[in-house]
Amino acid sequence: MSSDSDPLQKQVSGCEPRASTRALMAVAYEQAWALCAAYLAAGLAAELLRRGGVKLGASAQSFLDSLPVFVIHTLGLLDPYLRAVVLGDLSPFWNRVLLGSVTVALILLQATVIGLGLTAALRLFQKGAR
């Protein structure tokens, strides 16, 4: 198929590299913020269910906490984290804030990596289309 008959190739190869980079990063971050909002809403719902005595709330809470606790473990900070939780230095409220923040940071980091990867792939595609 020639490049003259492919409208997608015309559209992508005609984009300004900076404009396409901004557009891809904007899409990546829009999706990431939507995922962050969904995660935080699910966390709030799980916390309310848990406080209401519903077993599903505690299970959902454990599931949602597994990712940030894994990240804390991977960073080698699990011992100080657990010590702070057990000794009461980290209140339940600040524990929620910490775990939520770790998850949001991880989601945004993932969006950055994916956005940059897509930008690099687009530039290679544009270079090949010229």
C-alpha atoms as a PDB file:
ATOM      1  CA  MET A   1       0.000   0.000   0.000  1.00  0.00           C
ATOM      2  CA  SER A   2       1.490   3.352  -0.931  1.00  0.00           C
ATOM      3  CA  SER A   3       1.748   6.156   1.591  1.00  0.00           C
ATOM      4  CA  ASP A   4      -0.522   8.325  -0.609  1.00  0.00           C
ATOM      5  CA  SER A   5      -3.515   6.052  -0.035  1.00  0.00           C
ATOM      6  CA  ASP A   6      -3.044   5.521   3.698  1.00  0.00           C
ATOM      7  CA  PRO A   7      -4.764   8.364   5.595  1.00  0.00           C
ATOM      8  CA  LEU A   8      -3.347   7.283   8.967  1.00  0.00           C
ATOM      9  CA  GLN A   9       0.194   7.419   7.669  1.00  0.00           C
ATOM     10  CA  LYS A  10      -0.458  10.872   6.187  1.00  0.00           C
ATOM     11  CA  GLN A  11      -1.907  12.062   9.475  1.00  0.00           C
ATOM     12  CA  VAL A  12       0.927  10.698  11.639  1.00  0.00           C
ATOM     13  CA  SER A  13       3.751  11.720   9.310  1.00  0.00           C
ATOM     14  CA  GLY A  14       2.279  15.215   8.975  1.00  0.00           C
ATOM     15  CA  CYS A  15       2.246  15.863  12.735  1.00  0.00           C
ATOM     16  CA  GLU A  16       4.695  18.184  14.350  1.00  0.00           C
ATOM     17  CA  PRO A  17       6.965  15.988  16.495  1.00  0.00           C
ATOM     18  CA  ARG A  18       6.491  18.228  19.547  1.00  0.00           C
ATOM     19  CA  ALA A  19       2.717  18.354  19.076  1.00  0.00           C
ATOM     20  CA  SER A  20       2.448  14.583  18.768  1.00  0.00           C
ATOM     21  CA  THR A  21       4.642  14.119  21.854  1.00  0.00           C
ATOM     22  CA  ARG A  22       2.436  16.464  23.864  1.00  0.00           C
ATOM     23  CA  ALA A  23      -0.700  14.733  22.585  1.00  0.00           C
ATOM     24  CA  LEU A  24       0.567  11.257  23.489  1.00  0.00           C
ATOM     25  CA  MET A  25       1.713  12.350  26.939  1.00  0.00           C
ATOM     26  CA  ALA A  26      -1.607  14.141  27.506  1.00  0.00           C
ATOM     27  CA  VAL A  27      -3.529  10.967  26.650  1.00  0.00           C
ATOM     28  CA  ALA A  28      -1.258   8.867  28.883  1.00  0.00           C
ATOM     29  CA  TYR A  29      -1.726  11.228  31.826  1.00  0.00           C
ATOM     30  CA  GLU A  30      -5.476  11.583  31.279  1.00  0.00           C
ATOM     31  CA  GLN A  31      -5.802   7.813  31.458  1.00  0.00           C
ATOM     32  CA  ALA A  32      -3.494   7.670  34.485  1.00  0.00           C
ATOM     33  CA  TRP A  33      -5.480  10.292  36.404  1.00  0.00           C
ATOM     34  CA  ALA A  34      -8.706   8.458  35.585  1.00  0.00           C
ATOM     35  CA  LEU A  35      -7.163   5.246  36.949  1.00  0.00           C
ATOM     36  CA  CYS A  36      -5.976   7.108  40.070  1.00  0.00           C
ATOM     37  CA  ALA A  37      -9.486   8.437  40.658  1.00  0.00           C
ATOM     38  CA  ALA A  38     -10.969   4.959  40.214  1.00  0.00           C
ATOM     39  CA  TYR A  39      -8.402   3.460  42.615  1.00  0.00           C
ATOM     40  CA  LEU A  40      -9.047   6.101  45.256  1.00  0.00           C
ATOM     41  CA  ALA A  41     -12.831   5.703  44.891  1.00  0.00           C
ATOM     42  CA  ALA A  42     -12.499   1.934  45.257  1.00  0.00           C
ATOM     43  CA  GLY A  43     -10.302   2.463  48.316  1.00  0.00           C
ATOM     44  CA  LEU A  44     -12.856   4.791  49.873  1.00  0.00           C
ATOM     45  CA  ALA A  45     -15.672   2.323  49.186  1.00  0.00           C
ATOM     46  CA  ALA A  46     -13.632  -0.555  50.650  1.00  0.00           C
ATOM     47  CA  GLU A  47     -12.815   1.497  53.749  1.00  0.00           C
ATOM     48  CA  LEU A  48     -16.476   2.411  54.274  1.00  0.00           C
ATOM     49  CA  LEU A  49     -17.528  -1.218  53.849  1.00  0.00           C
ATOM     50  CA  ARG A  50     -14.799  -2.381  56.230  1.00  0.00           C
ATOM     51  CA  ARG A  51     -15.874   0.144  58.869  1.00  0.00           C
ATOM     52  CA  GLY A  52     -19.456  -1.004  58.348  1.00  0.00           C
ATOM     53  CA  GLY A  53     -18.445  -4.526  59.290  1.00  0.00           C
ATOM     54  CA  VAL A  54     -18.810  -6.012  55.803  1.00  0.00           C
ATOM     55  CA  LYS A  55     -16.225  -8.789  55.231  1.00  0.00           C
ATOM     56  CA  LEU A  56     -15.915  -7.872  51.557  1.00  0.00           C
ATOM     57  CA  GLY A  57     -14.601  -4.455  52.600  1.00  0.00           C
ATOM     58  CA  ALA A  58     -11.658  -5.965  54.465  1.00  0.00           C
ATOM     59  CA  SER A  59     -10.867  -8.297  51.556  1.00  0.00           C
ATOM     60  CA  ALA A  60     -11.041  -5.431  49.061  1.00  0.00           C
ATOM     61  CA  GLN A  61      -8.843  -3.309  51.329  1.00  0.00           C
ATOM     62  CA  SER A  62      -6.213  -6.059  51.480  1.00  0.00           C
ATOM     63  CA  PHE A  63      -6.320  -6.428  47.711  1.00  0.00           C
ATOM     64  CA  LEU A  64      -5.910  -2.683  47.132  1.00  0.00           C
ATOM     65  CA  ASP A  65      -3.077  -2.483  49.684  1.00  0.00           C
ATOM     66  CA  SER A  66      -1.081  -5.313  48.136  1.00  0.00           C
ATOM     67  CA  LEU A  67       0.437  -3.185  45.336  1.00  0.00           C
ATOM     68  CA  PRO A  68       1.741  -0.311  47.479  1.00  0.00           C
ATOM     69  CA  VAL A  69       2.992  -2.719  50.153  1.00  0.00           C
ATOM     70  CA  PHE A  70       4.842  -4.659  47.423  1.00  0.00           C
ATOM     71  CA  VAL A  71       6.434  -1.400  46.219  1.00  0.00           C
ATOM     72  CA  ILE A  72       7.437  -0.511  49.790  1.00  0.00           C
ATOM     73  CA  HIS A  73       8.935  -4.007  50.152  1.00  0.00           C
ATOM     74  CA  THR A  74      10.776  -3.708  46.809  1.00  0.00           C
ATOM     75  CA  LEU A  75      12.280  -0.381  47.888  1.00  0.00           C
ATOM     76  CA  GLY A  76      13.587  -2.072  51.059  1.00  0.00           C
ATOM     77  CA  LEU A  77      11.368  -0.008  53.345  1.00  0.00           C
ATOM     78  CA  LEU A  78       9.052  -2.733  54.602  1.00  0.00           C
ATOM     79  CA  ASP A  79      10.713  -3.128  58.038  1.00  0.00           C
ATOM     80  CA  PRO A  80      10.506   0.592  58.938  1.00  0.00           C
ATOM     81  CA  TYR A  81       6.964   0.739  57.552  1.00  0.00           C
ATOM     82  CA  LEU A  82       5.766  -2.244  59.598  1.00  0.00           C
ATOM     83  CA  ARG A  83       7.570  -0.960  62.686  1.00  0.00           C
ATOM     84  CA  ALA A  84       5.805   2.406  62.356  1.00  0.00           C
ATOM     85  CA  VAL A  85       2.422   0.707  61.903  1.00  0.00           C
ATOM     86  CA  VAL A  86       2.874  -1.684  64.843  1.00  0.00           C
ATOM     87  CA  LEU A  87       4.229   0.974  67.233  1.00  0.00           C
ATOM     88  CA  GLY A  88       1.458   3.380  66.292  1.00  0.00           C
ATOM     89  CA  ASP A  89       3.819   5.969  64.831  1.00  0.00           C
ATOM     90  CA  LEU A  90       1.793   5.754  61.618  1.00  0.00           C
ATOM     91  CA  SER A  91      -1.896   6.275  62.353  1.00  0.00           C
ATOM     92  CA  PRO A  92      -4.516   4.454  60.272  1.00  0.00           C
ATOM     93  CA  PHE A  93      -5.332   7.733  58.492  1.00  0.00           C
ATOM     94  CA  TRP A  94      -1.706   8.424  57.533  1.00  0.00           C
ATOM     95  CA  ASN A  95      -1.271   4.771  56.585  1.00  0.00           C
ATOM     96  CA  ARG A  96      -4.143   5.192  54.085  1.00  0.00           C
ATOM     97  CA  VAL A  97      -2.567   8.423  52.805  1.00  0.00           C
ATOM     98  CA  LEU A  98       0.838   6.732  52.420  1.00  0.00           C
ATOM     99  CA  LEU A  99      -0.485   3.649  50.613  1.00  0.00           C
ATOM    100  CA  GLY A 100      -2.725   5.753  48.355  1.00  0.00           C
ATOM    101  CA  SER A 101       0.152   8.104  47.519  1.00  0.00           C
ATOM    102  CA  VAL A 102       2.468   5.214  46.659  1.00  0.00           C
ATOM    103  CA  THR A 103      -0.155   3.789  44.298  1.00  0.00           C
ATOM    104  CA  VAL A 104      -0.857   7.152  42.637  1.00  0.00           C
ATOM    105  CA  ALA A 105       2.888   7.745  42.191  1.00  0.00           C
ATOM    106  CA  LEU A 106       3.300   4.297  40.650  1.00  0.00           C
ATOM    107  CA  ILE A 107       0.393   4.870  38.244  1.00  0.00           C
ATOM    108  CA  LEU A 108       1.865   8.231  37.144  1.00  0.00           C
ATOM    109  CA  LEU A 109       5.331   6.690  36.756  1.00  0.00           C
ATOM    110  CA  GLN A 110       3.837   3.980  34.580  1.00  0.00           C
ATOM    111  CA  ALA A 111       2.036   6.616  32.479  1.00  0.00           C
ATOM    112  CA  THR A 112       5.322   8.483  32.002  1.00  0.00           C
ATOM    113  CA  VAL A 113       7.179   5.361  30.882  1.00  0.00           C
ATOM    114  CA  ILE A 114       4.383   4.311  28.527  1.00  0.00           C
ATOM    115  CA  GLY A 115       3.977   7.826  27.146  1.00  0.00           C
ATOM    116  CA  LEU A 116       7.701   8.155  26.458  1.00  0.00           C
ATOM    117  CA  GLY A 117       7.780   4.700  24.877  1.00  0.00           C
ATOM    118  CA  LEU A 118       4.866   5.548  22.600  1.00  0.00           C
ATOM    119  CA  THR A 119       6.511   8.852  21.704  1.00  0.00           C
ATOM    120  CA  ALA A 120       9.724   7.060  20.746  1.00  0.00           C
ATOM    121  CA  ALA A 121       7.772   4.536  18.665  1.00  0.00           C
ATOM    122  CA  LEU A 122       5.855   7.344  16.937  1.00  0.00           C
ATOM    123  CA  ARG A 123       9.063   9.172  16.092  1.00  0.00           C
ATOM    124  CA  LEU A 124      10.542   5.993  14.624  1.00  0.00           C
ATOM    125  CA  PHE A 125       7.348   5.502  12.614  1.00  0.00           C
ATOM    126  CA  GLN A 126       7.451   9.100  11.411  1.00  0.00           C
ATOM    127  CA  LYS A 127      11.109   8.773  10.476  1.00  0.00           C
ATOM    128  CA  GLY A 128      10.353   5.626   8.472  1.00  0.00           C
ATOM    129  CA  ALA A 129       7.405   7.315   6.721  1.00  0.00           C
ATOM    130  CA  ARG A 130       9.582  10.121   5.321  1.00  0.00           C
END
